[in-house]
């Protein structure tokens, strides 16, 4: 039973990374909106970097999810 408990605890700890990805996305979009409101002419040129940052942040959240599932069911 101790191995199963360790798997559950490890899986839960790995899932915390998904919360970090959610916080990161909130910060990313919040800062983009602040910059777009201050300088609307430059917002279009920064949109590519916004999407790149969004993709990298979301990838880390998905990685945490996969590691959590691997620990739980592996």
N, C-alpha and C. Protein backbone atom coordinates (compact mmCIF):
# COMPACT_ATOMS: atom_id res chain seq x y z
N UNK A 1 0.82 -1.20 0.00
CA UNK A 1 0.00 0.00 0.00
C UNK A 1 0.87 1.26 0.00
N UNK A 2 2.09 1.18 0.47
CA UNK A 2 2.94 2.35 0.53
C UNK A 2 3.35 2.83 -0.86
N UNK A 3 3.54 1.91 -1.79
CA UNK A 3 3.91 2.30 -3.15
C UNK A 3 2.75 3.02 -3.82
N UNK A 4 1.54 2.54 -3.61
CA UNK A 4 0.36 3.20 -4.20
C UNK A 4 0.16 4.60 -3.62
N UNK A 5 0.40 4.75 -2.34
CA UNK A 5 0.29 6.07 -1.71
C UNK A 5 1.34 7.03 -2.27
N UNK A 6 2.54 6.53 -2.48
CA UNK A 6 3.60 7.37 -3.05
C UNK A 6 3.26 7.79 -4.47
N UNK A 7 2.64 6.88 -5.24
CA UNK A 7 2.22 7.24 -6.60
C UNK A 7 1.18 8.35 -6.57
N UNK A 8 0.22 8.25 -5.67
CA UNK A 8 -0.83 9.28 -5.58
C UNK A 8 -0.26 10.63 -5.15
N UNK A 9 0.64 10.61 -4.19
CA UNK A 9 1.24 11.86 -3.73
C UNK A 9 2.09 12.48 -4.84
N UNK A 10 2.89 11.68 -5.52
CA UNK A 10 3.71 12.19 -6.62
C UNK A 10 2.87 12.72 -7.76
N UNK A 11 1.78 12.04 -8.06
CA UNK A 11 0.89 12.49 -9.11
C UNK A 11 0.25 13.83 -8.77
N UNK A 12 -0.15 13.97 -7.52
CA UNK A 12 -0.73 15.24 -7.08
C UNK A 12 0.26 16.38 -7.13
N UNK A 13 1.49 16.10 -6.73
CA UNK A 13 2.52 17.14 -6.77
C UNK A 13 2.86 17.54 -8.21
N UNK A 14 2.87 16.56 -9.11
CA UNK A 14 3.15 16.87 -10.51
C UNK A 14 2.02 17.69 -11.13
N UNK A 15 0.80 17.49 -10.64
CA UNK A 15 -0.34 18.23 -11.20
C UNK A 15 -0.32 19.70 -10.81
N UNK A 16 0.47 20.06 -9.82
CA UNK A 16 0.57 21.47 -9.42
C UNK A 16 1.13 22.31 -10.56
N UNK A 17 1.93 21.69 -11.43
CA UNK A 17 2.48 22.41 -12.57
C UNK A 17 1.41 22.95 -13.51
N UNK A 18 0.25 22.30 -13.54
CA UNK A 18 -0.83 22.81 -14.38
C UNK A 18 -1.37 24.13 -13.84
N UNK A 19 -1.39 24.28 -12.53
CA UNK A 19 -1.82 25.55 -11.94
C UNK A 19 -0.82 26.65 -12.29
N UNK A 20 0.46 26.29 -12.30
CA UNK A 20 1.48 27.26 -12.69
C UNK A 20 1.31 27.73 -14.12
N UNK A 21 0.91 26.82 -15.00
CA UNK A 21 0.68 27.20 -16.39
C UNK A 21 -0.52 28.14 -16.50
N UNK A 22 -1.55 27.88 -15.71
CA UNK A 22 -2.72 28.78 -15.72
C UNK A 22 -2.37 30.16 -15.22
N UNK A 23 -1.57 30.24 -14.18
CA UNK A 23 -1.14 31.54 -13.67
C UNK A 23 -0.27 32.26 -14.70
N UNK A 24 0.61 31.50 -15.35
CA UNK A 24 1.47 32.08 -16.37
C UNK A 24 0.69 32.65 -17.54
N UNK A 25 -0.35 31.94 -17.96
CA UNK A 25 -1.18 32.45 -19.06
C UNK A 25 -1.92 33.72 -18.65
N UNK A 26 -2.38 33.76 -17.41
CA UNK A 26 -3.07 34.96 -16.93
C UNK A 26 -2.15 36.16 -16.91
N UNK A 27 -0.94 35.96 -16.45
CA UNK A 27 0.04 37.06 -16.41
C UNK A 27 0.39 37.50 -17.83
N UNK A 28 0.57 36.53 -18.72
CA UNK A 28 0.95 36.82 -20.10
C UNK A 28 -0.12 37.66 -20.80
N UNK A 29 -1.37 37.24 -20.73
CA UNK A 29 -2.44 37.98 -21.40
C UNK A 29 -2.72 39.31 -20.71
N UNK A 30 -2.60 39.33 -19.39
CA UNK A 30 -2.82 40.59 -18.67
C UNK A 30 -1.81 41.66 -19.07
N UNK A 31 -0.55 41.26 -19.16
CA UNK A 31 0.49 42.22 -19.56
C UNK A 31 0.33 42.64 -21.02
N UNK A 32 -0.09 41.71 -21.87
CA UNK A 32 -0.31 42.07 -23.27
C UNK A 32 -1.45 43.08 -23.38
N UNK A 33 -2.53 42.86 -22.64
CA UNK A 33 -3.65 43.80 -22.71
C UNK A 33 -3.27 45.17 -22.17
N UNK A 34 -2.48 45.20 -21.11
CA UNK A 34 -2.01 46.48 -20.60
C UNK A 34 -1.19 47.22 -21.64
N UNK A 35 -0.29 46.51 -22.30
CA UNK A 35 0.55 47.14 -23.33
C UNK A 35 -0.29 47.57 -24.52
N UNK A 36 -1.29 46.77 -24.90
CA UNK A 36 -2.12 47.12 -26.05
C UNK A 36 -2.99 48.34 -25.76
N UNK A 37 -3.42 48.49 -24.53
CA UNK A 37 -4.22 49.66 -24.17
C UNK A 37 -3.36 50.92 -24.16
N UNK A 38 -2.12 50.78 -23.71
CA UNK A 38 -1.24 51.96 -23.68
C UNK A 38 -0.75 52.38 -25.06
N UNK A 39 -0.51 51.41 -25.93
CA UNK A 39 0.00 51.72 -27.27
C UNK A 39 -0.69 50.80 -28.29
N UNK A 40 -1.88 51.17 -28.74
CA UNK A 40 -2.63 50.29 -29.65
C UNK A 40 -1.94 50.08 -31.00
N UNK A 41 -1.12 51.00 -31.43
CA UNK A 41 -0.46 50.86 -32.73
C UNK A 41 0.58 49.74 -32.71
N UNK A 42 1.17 49.47 -31.58
CA UNK A 42 2.21 48.44 -31.48
C UNK A 42 1.65 47.08 -31.10
N UNK A 43 0.36 47.00 -30.82
CA UNK A 43 -0.23 45.74 -30.36
C UNK A 43 -0.17 44.65 -31.43
N UNK A 44 -0.38 45.02 -32.67
CA UNK A 44 -0.39 44.02 -33.74
C UNK A 44 0.99 43.39 -33.94
N UNK A 45 2.04 44.17 -33.74
CA UNK A 45 3.38 43.62 -33.93
C UNK A 45 3.79 42.69 -32.79
N UNK A 46 3.16 42.81 -31.65
CA UNK A 46 3.49 41.95 -30.51
C UNK A 46 2.61 40.71 -30.41
N UNK A 47 1.63 40.60 -31.28
CA UNK A 47 0.69 39.48 -31.21
C UNK A 47 1.38 38.13 -31.50
N UNK A 48 2.36 38.11 -32.38
CA UNK A 48 3.09 36.88 -32.67
C UNK A 48 3.83 36.39 -31.44
N UNK A 49 4.46 37.30 -30.72
CA UNK A 49 5.17 36.92 -29.50
C UNK A 49 4.19 36.46 -28.42
N UNK A 50 3.01 37.04 -28.40
CA UNK A 50 1.98 36.60 -27.45
C UNK A 50 1.60 35.15 -27.70
N UNK A 51 1.37 34.80 -28.95
CA UNK A 51 0.98 33.43 -29.28
C UNK A 51 2.13 32.45 -29.03
N UNK A 52 3.35 32.86 -29.27
CA UNK A 52 4.50 32.00 -28.99
C UNK A 52 4.63 31.75 -27.49
N UNK A 53 4.49 32.79 -26.72
CA UNK A 53 4.54 32.65 -25.26
C UNK A 53 3.39 31.80 -24.74
N UNK A 54 2.21 31.96 -25.33
CA UNK A 54 1.07 31.16 -24.93
C UNK A 54 1.32 29.68 -25.22
N UNK A 55 1.87 29.39 -26.38
CA UNK A 55 2.13 28.00 -26.76
C UNK A 55 3.17 27.37 -25.83
N UNK A 56 4.23 28.09 -25.51
CA UNK A 56 5.26 27.54 -24.63
C UNK A 56 4.74 27.34 -23.21
N UNK A 57 3.94 28.26 -22.73
CA UNK A 57 3.37 28.13 -21.39
C UNK A 57 2.41 26.96 -21.32
N UNK A 58 1.58 26.83 -22.33
CA UNK A 58 0.61 25.74 -22.35
C UNK A 58 1.31 24.39 -22.50
N UNK A 59 2.42 24.35 -23.22
CA UNK A 59 3.18 23.12 -23.36
C UNK A 59 3.70 22.64 -22.01
N UNK A 60 4.14 23.56 -21.18
CA UNK A 60 4.62 23.16 -19.86
C UNK A 60 3.49 22.61 -19.00
N UNK A 61 2.29 23.18 -19.14
CA UNK A 61 1.13 22.64 -18.42
C UNK A 61 0.77 21.25 -18.90
N UNK A 62 0.82 21.02 -20.20
CA UNK A 62 0.54 19.69 -20.74
C UNK A 62 1.61 18.69 -20.32
N UNK A 63 2.84 19.13 -20.25
CA UNK A 63 3.92 18.25 -19.80
C UNK A 63 3.69 17.83 -18.35
N UNK A 64 3.27 18.76 -17.50
CA UNK A 64 2.98 18.43 -16.11
C UNK A 64 1.82 17.44 -16.02
N UNK A 65 0.82 17.61 -16.89
CA UNK A 65 -0.32 16.70 -16.92
C UNK A 65 0.10 15.29 -17.32
N UNK A 66 0.94 15.19 -18.33
CA UNK A 66 1.40 13.88 -18.79
C UNK A 66 2.25 13.19 -17.72
N UNK A 67 3.12 13.94 -17.06
CA UNK A 67 3.94 13.36 -16.00
C UNK A 67 3.04 12.88 -14.86
N UNK A 68 2.02 13.66 -14.54
CA UNK A 68 1.09 13.26 -13.49
C UNK A 68 0.38 11.97 -13.85
N UNK A 69 -0.07 11.84 -15.09
CA UNK A 69 -0.73 10.61 -15.52
C UNK A 69 0.22 9.42 -15.54
N UNK A 70 1.46 9.66 -15.95
CA UNK A 70 2.44 8.59 -15.96
C UNK A 70 2.74 8.09 -14.55
N UNK A 71 2.82 9.01 -13.61
CA UNK A 71 3.05 8.60 -12.24
C UNK A 71 1.86 7.85 -11.66
N UNK A 72 0.68 8.27 -12.04
CA UNK A 72 -0.53 7.67 -11.48
C UNK A 72 -0.79 6.28 -12.04
N UNK A 73 -0.67 6.13 -13.36
CA UNK A 73 -1.05 4.88 -13.99
C UNK A 73 0.13 4.05 -14.49
N UNK A 74 1.34 4.57 -14.34
CA UNK A 74 2.52 3.86 -14.85
C UNK A 74 3.11 2.87 -13.88
